[in-house]
C-alpha atoms as a PDB file:
ATOM      1  CA  MET A   1      96.926 180.923 154.246  1.00  0.00           C
ATOM      2  CA  ASP A   2      97.370 180.996 150.477  1.00  0.00           C
ATOM      3  CA  ASN A   3      94.893 183.347 148.733  1.00  0.00           C
ATOM      4  CA  GLN A   4      94.979 181.175 145.595  1.00  0.00           C
ATOM      5  CA  ASN A   5      94.207 178.089 147.700  1.00  0.00           C
ATOM      6  CA  PRO A   6      92.203 179.250 150.760  1.00  0.00           C
ATOM      7  CA  HIS A   7      91.425 175.667 151.845  1.00  0.00           C
ATOM      8  CA  ASN A   8      95.065 174.558 151.472  1.00  0.00           C
ATOM      9  CA  ASP A   9      93.898 171.685 149.286  1.00  0.00           C
ATOM     10  CA  PRO A  10      96.597 169.637 147.550  1.00  0.00           C
ATOM     11  CA  PRO A  11      97.171 170.738 143.954  1.00  0.00           C
ATOM     12  CA  LEU A  12      95.078 168.923 141.374  1.00  0.00           C
ATOM     13  CA  PRO A  13      96.667 167.064 138.507  1.00  0.00           C
ATOM     14  CA  SER A  14      96.521 168.889 135.217  1.00  0.00           C
ATOM     15  CA  PRO A  15      93.682 167.817 132.916  1.00  0.00           C
ATOM     16  CA  SER A  16      96.032 165.857 130.676  1.00  0.00           C
ATOM     17  CA  SER A  17      93.691 163.012 129.832  1.00  0.00           C
ATOM     18  CA  SER A  18      89.993 162.294 129.714  1.00  0.00           C
ATOM     19  CA  SER A  19      90.361 159.534 132.323  1.00  0.00           C
ATOM     20  CA  THR A  20      92.033 162.021 134.704  1.00  0.00           C
ATOM     21  CA  THR A  21      89.241 164.529 134.090  1.00  0.00           C
ATOM     22  CA  THR A  22      86.567 161.921 134.796  1.00  0.00           C
ATOM     23  CA  ALA A  23      88.355 160.633 137.908  1.00  0.00           C
ATOM     24  CA  ILE A  24      88.451 164.150 139.351  1.00  0.00           C
ATOM     25  CA  LEU A  25      84.948 165.288 138.349  1.00  0.00           C
ATOM     26  CA  ASP A  26      82.840 162.121 138.706  1.00  0.00           C
ATOM     27  CA  ALA A  27      84.139 159.118 140.652  1.00  0.00           C
ATOM     28  CA  PRO A  28      81.138 156.839 139.908  1.00  0.00           C
ATOM     29  CA  LEU A  29      81.471 157.393 136.139  1.00  0.00           C
ATOM     30  CA  ASN A  30      85.195 156.795 136.405  1.00  0.00           C
ATOM     31  CA  ALA A  31      84.609 153.538 138.318  1.00  0.00           C
ATOM     32  CA  MET A  32      82.477 152.264 135.420  1.00  0.00           C
ATOM     33  CA  GLY A  33      85.219 153.127 132.916  1.00  0.00           C
ATOM     34  CA  PHE A  34      83.530 156.192 131.388  1.00  0.00           C
ATOM     35  CA  GLU A  35      85.797 158.953 130.074  1.00  0.00           C
ATOM     36  CA  ILE A  36      84.583 162.540 129.728  1.00  0.00           C
ATOM     37  CA  GLU A  37      85.987 164.080 126.533  1.00  0.00           C
ATOM     38  CA  THR A  38      84.219 167.412 125.968  1.00  0.00           C
ATOM     39  CA  LEU A  39      83.077 169.849 128.663  1.00  0.00           C
ATOM     40  CA  SER A  40      81.227 173.003 127.675  1.00  0.00           C
ATOM     41  CA  PRO A  41      77.914 174.689 128.531  1.00  0.00           C
ATOM     42  CA  ASN A  42      76.637 173.639 125.074  1.00  0.00           C
ATOM     43  CA  ARG A  43      77.900 170.059 124.872  1.00  0.00           C
ATOM     44  CA  VAL A  44      79.261 167.390 127.171  1.00  0.00           C
ATOM     45  CA  SER A  45      80.489 164.136 125.666  1.00  0.00           C
ATOM     46  CA  GLY A  46      82.442 161.028 126.440  1.00  0.00           C
ATOM     47  CA  ARG A  47      82.894 157.320 125.854  1.00  0.00           C
ATOM     48  CA  ILE A  48      82.829 153.955 127.546  1.00  0.00           C
ATOM     49  CA  VAL A  49      83.982 150.533 126.416  1.00  0.00           C
ATOM     50  CA  VAL A  50      81.463 147.975 127.635  1.00  0.00           C
ATOM     51  CA  SER A  51      83.303 145.868 130.212  1.00  0.00           C
ATOM     52  CA  PRO A  52      82.418 143.632 133.165  1.00  0.00           C
ATOM     53  CA  LYS A  53      82.346 146.798 135.342  1.00  0.00           C
ATOM     54  CA  CYS A  54      79.237 148.087 133.557  1.00  0.00           C
ATOM     55  CA  CYS A  55      77.481 144.892 132.418  1.00  0.00           C
ATOM     56  CA  GLN A  56      74.486 143.052 133.719  1.00  0.00           C
ATOM     57  CA  MET A  57      74.334 139.237 133.759  1.00  0.00           C
ATOM     58  CA  PHE A  58      73.673 138.897 130.014  1.00  0.00           C
ATOM     59  CA  LYS A  59      76.995 140.619 129.219  1.00  0.00           C
ATOM     60  CA  VAL A  60      75.418 143.795 127.872  1.00  0.00           C
ATOM     61  CA  MET A  61      75.635 147.300 129.318  1.00  0.00           C
ATOM     62  CA  HIS A  62      73.354 147.729 132.322  1.00  0.00           C
ATOM     63  CA  GLY A  63      70.499 150.198 131.806  1.00  0.00           C
ATOM     64  CA  GLY A  64      71.330 151.834 135.125  1.00  0.00           C
ATOM     65  CA  VAL A  65      74.771 152.699 133.776  1.00  0.00           C
ATOM     66  CA  SER A  66      73.147 154.426 130.793  1.00  0.00           C
ATOM     67  CA  ALA A  67      70.929 156.390 133.191  1.00  0.00           C
ATOM     68  CA  MET A  68      73.918 157.326 135.371  1.00  0.00           C
ATOM     69  CA  ILE A  69      75.815 158.584 132.309  1.00  0.00           C
ATOM     70  CA  ALA A  70      72.789 160.635 131.185  1.00  0.00           C
ATOM     71  CA  GLU A  71      72.282 162.222 134.616  1.00  0.00           C
ATOM     72  CA  ALA A  72      75.981 162.977 135.058  1.00  0.00           C
ATOM     73  CA  LEU A  73      76.570 164.557 131.644  1.00  0.00           C
ATOM     74  CA  ALA A  74      73.394 166.662 131.825  1.00  0.00           C
ATOM     75  CA  SER A  75      74.224 167.794 135.365  1.00  0.00           C
ATOM     76  CA  VAL A  76      77.759 168.931 134.609  1.00  0.00           C
ATOM     77  CA  GLY A  77      76.571 170.712 131.448  1.00  0.00           C
ATOM     78  CA  ALA A  78      73.761 172.428 133.327  1.00  0.00           C
ATOM     79  CA  GLN A  79      76.153 173.523 136.052  1.00  0.00           C
ATOM     80  CA  MET A  80      78.411 175.182 133.486  1.00  0.00           C
ATOM     81  CA  ALA A  81      75.441 176.729 131.647  1.00  0.00           C
ATOM     82  CA  SER A  82      74.151 178.239 134.895  1.00  0.00           C
ATOM     83  CA  GLY A  83      77.443 179.992 135.606  1.00  0.00           C
ATOM     84  CA  PHE A  84      78.736 177.213 137.878  1.00  0.00           C
ATOM     85  CA  LYS A  85      75.809 177.433 140.278  1.00  0.00           C
ATOM     86  CA  ARG A  86      74.452 174.338 142.013  1.00  0.00           C
ATOM     87  CA  VAL A  87      72.040 172.187 140.003  1.00  0.00           C
ATOM     88  CA  ALA A  88      69.829 169.251 140.929  1.00  0.00           C
ATOM     89  CA  GLY A  89      68.205 166.812 138.547  1.00  0.00           C
ATOM     90  CA  PHE A  90      64.559 166.187 139.353  1.00  0.00           C
ATOM     91  CA  HIS A  91      63.374 164.216 136.332  1.00  0.00           C
ATOM     92  CA  LEU A  92      65.094 161.607 134.193  1.00  0.00           C
ATOM     93  CA  SER A  93      63.373 159.824 131.343  1.00  0.00           C
ATOM     94  CA  ILE A  94      65.319 157.212 129.412  1.00  0.00           C
ATOM     95  CA  ASP A  95      64.487 154.828 126.591  1.00  0.00           C
ATOM     96  CA  HIS A  96      66.772 151.822 126.127  1.00  0.00           C
ATOM     97  CA  LEU A  97      66.599 151.110 122.401  1.00  0.00           C
ATOM     98  CA  GLN A  98      69.190 148.379 121.831  1.00  0.00           C
ATOM     99  CA  SER A  99      71.890 146.594 123.746  1.00  0.00           C
ATOM    100  CA  ALA A 100      75.602 147.304 123.748  1.00  0.00           C
ATOM    101  CA  LYS A 101      77.620 144.116 124.083  1.00  0.00           C
ATOM    102  CA  MET A 102      80.838 143.444 125.949  1.00  0.00           C
ATOM    103  CA  GLY A 103      83.766 145.107 124.173  1.00  0.00           C
ATOM    104  CA  GLU A 104      81.679 147.595 122.167  1.00  0.00           C
ATOM    105  CA  LEU A 105      82.516 151.296 122.289  1.00  0.00           C
ATOM    106  CA  VAL A 106      79.586 153.476 123.356  1.00  0.00           C
ATOM    107  CA  LEU A 107      79.720 157.236 122.812  1.00  0.00           C
ATOM    108  CA  ALA A 108      77.549 159.700 124.723  1.00  0.00           C
ATOM    109  CA  GLU A 109      76.583 163.308 124.147  1.00  0.00           C
ATOM    110  CA  ALA A 110      74.486 165.742 126.182  1.00  0.00           C
ATOM    111  CA  VAL A 111      73.120 168.959 124.675  1.00  0.00           C
ATOM    112  CA  PRO A 112      70.736 171.522 126.160  1.00  0.00           C
ATOM    113  CA  LEU A 113      67.213 171.743 124.796  1.00  0.00           C
ATOM    114  CA  SER A 114      66.228 174.626 127.072  1.00  0.00           C
ATOM    115  CA  ILE A 115      68.352 176.791 129.358  1.00  0.00           C
ATOM    116  CA  GLY A 116      66.122 178.876 131.586  1.00  0.00           C
ATOM    117  CA  ASP A 117      66.837 180.894 134.698  1.00  0.00           C
ATOM    118  CA  ALA A 118      65.456 178.223 137.041  1.00  0.00           C
ATOM    119  CA  ILE A 119      65.071 175.063 134.938  1.00  0.00           C
ATOM    120  CA  GLN A 120      67.140 173.425 132.226  1.00  0.00           C
ATOM    121  CA  VAL A 121      66.286 170.461 130.017  1.00  0.00           C
ATOM    122  CA  TRP A 122      69.071 168.393 128.451  1.00  0.00           C
ATOM    123  CA  GLU A 123      68.908 165.637 125.860  1.00  0.00           C
ATOM    124  CA  VAL A 124      71.430 162.817 126.188  1.00  0.00           C
ATOM    125  CA  GLU A 125      72.060 160.156 123.561  1.00  0.00           C
ATOM    126  CA  LEU A 126      74.252 157.052 123.809  1.00  0.00           C
ATOM    127  CA  TRP A 127      75.194 155.188 120.641  1.00  0.00           C
ATOM    128  CA  LYS A 128      77.513 152.454 119.482  1.00  0.00           C
ATOM    129  CA  ALA A 129      80.556 153.597 117.548  1.00  0.00           C
ATOM    130  CA  LYS A 130      81.044 151.797 114.270  1.00  0.00           C
ATOM    131  CA  SER A 131      84.550 151.317 112.947  1.00  0.00           C
ATOM    132  CA  SER A 132      83.474 152.638 109.542  1.00  0.00           C
ATOM    133  CA  SER A 133      82.031 155.913 110.837  1.00  0.00           C
ATOM    134  CA  ILE A 134      81.637 157.527 114.238  1.00  0.00           C
ATOM    135  CA  GLU A 135      78.964 159.760 112.682  1.00  0.00           C
ATOM    136  CA  ARG A 136      76.521 156.873 112.115  1.00  0.00           C
ATOM    137  CA  ARG A 137      74.507 156.436 115.269  1.00  0.00           C
ATOM    138  CA  ASP A 138      73.158 153.058 116.326  1.00  0.00           C
ATOM    139  CA  VAL A 139      71.360 154.504 119.348  1.00  0.00           C
ATOM    140  CA  VAL A 140      71.611 152.499 122.554  1.00  0.00           C
ATOM    141  CA  ALA A 141      69.664 154.922 124.772  1.00  0.00           C
ATOM    142  CA  SER A 142      67.982 158.293 124.485  1.00  0.00           C
ATOM    143  CA  SER A 143      67.110 160.378 127.509  1.00  0.00           C
ATOM    144  CA  ARG A 144      65.914 163.707 128.768  1.00  0.00           C
ATOM    145  CA  VAL A 145      67.058 165.210 132.045  1.00  0.00           C
ATOM    146  CA  THR A 146      65.289 168.134 133.731  1.00  0.00           C
ATOM    147  CA  LEU A 147      67.268 170.090 136.305  1.00  0.00           C
ATOM    148  CA  LEU A 148      66.614 172.822 138.846  1.00  0.00           C
ATOM    149  CA  CYS A 149      69.349 175.438 138.398  1.00  0.00           C
ATOM    150  CA  ASN A 150      71.013 178.531 139.813  1.00  0.00           C
ATOM    151  CA  MET A 151      70.991 177.417 143.428  1.00  0.00           C
ATOM    152  CA  PRO A 152      73.786 178.624 145.708  1.00  0.00           C
ATOM    153  CA  VAL A 153      76.820 176.368 145.965  1.00  0.00           C
ATOM    154  CA  PRO A 154      77.450 175.152 149.535  1.00  0.00           C
ATOM    155  CA  LYS A 155      80.856 176.174 150.928  1.00  0.00           C
ATOM    156  CA  HIS A 156      82.024 172.567 151.168  1.00  0.00           C
ATOM    157  CA  SER A 157      81.356 172.074 147.437  1.00  0.00           C
ATOM    158  CA  GLN A 158      83.171 175.186 146.187  1.00  0.00           C
ATOM    159  CA  PRO A 159      86.468 173.321 145.543  1.00  0.00           C
ATOM    160  CA  LEU A 160      84.585 171.001 143.165  1.00  0.00           C
ATOM    161  CA  VAL A 161      83.172 173.991 141.289  1.00  0.00           C
ATOM    162  CA  ASP A 162      86.654 175.485 141.059  1.00  0.00           C
ATOM    163  CA  THR A 163      87.924 172.207 139.607  1.00  0.00           C
ATOM    164  CA  LEU A 164      85.133 172.086 137.007  1.00  0.00           C
ATOM    165  CA  GLN A 165      86.001 175.645 135.954  1.00  0.00           C
ATOM    166  CA  ARG A 166      89.595 174.523 135.329  1.00  0.00           C
ATOM    167  CA  PHE A 167      88.448 171.767 132.980  1.00  0.00           C
ATOM    168  CA  ALA A 168      85.581 173.605 131.222  1.00  0.00           C
ATOM    169  CA  LYS A 169      85.854 174.896 127.678  1.00  0.00           C
ATOM    170  CA  LEU A 170      83.920 178.132 127.813  1.00  0.00           C
END
């Protein structure tokens, strides 16, 4: 048995692109077309182009997709901030402020508001990118995610933690 690879898992692709990173770390986000761009214990960000994969019947981004993005970004950030321990979200509050139409680029960013020993609170904002300035935020959704932290990682999940450590910018 290989000490570097005790489970004899196949080697992972190198984190060469944000779509590869997302595909490896979060299959549901990847299926919607979301791409993780920044991974650190202080900030997790990414983007999604509104497409039929993430729209509801009125051809605007589904609110459930916004909630999934918020939960996912806060969870991965909290896991890094807790030293790669297991985390579990137990409260999600989200306000949908305006729609994002088919073809629009939506950016997302999660930042910690409070990092405690047992509980973390993260704020996640989604906004439409404007061609004139990515800094101007036309907010689509604003959320807060509260997570229980520092739980032991089950053995079967350790390879996922190892993968996140490879991608993280610490």
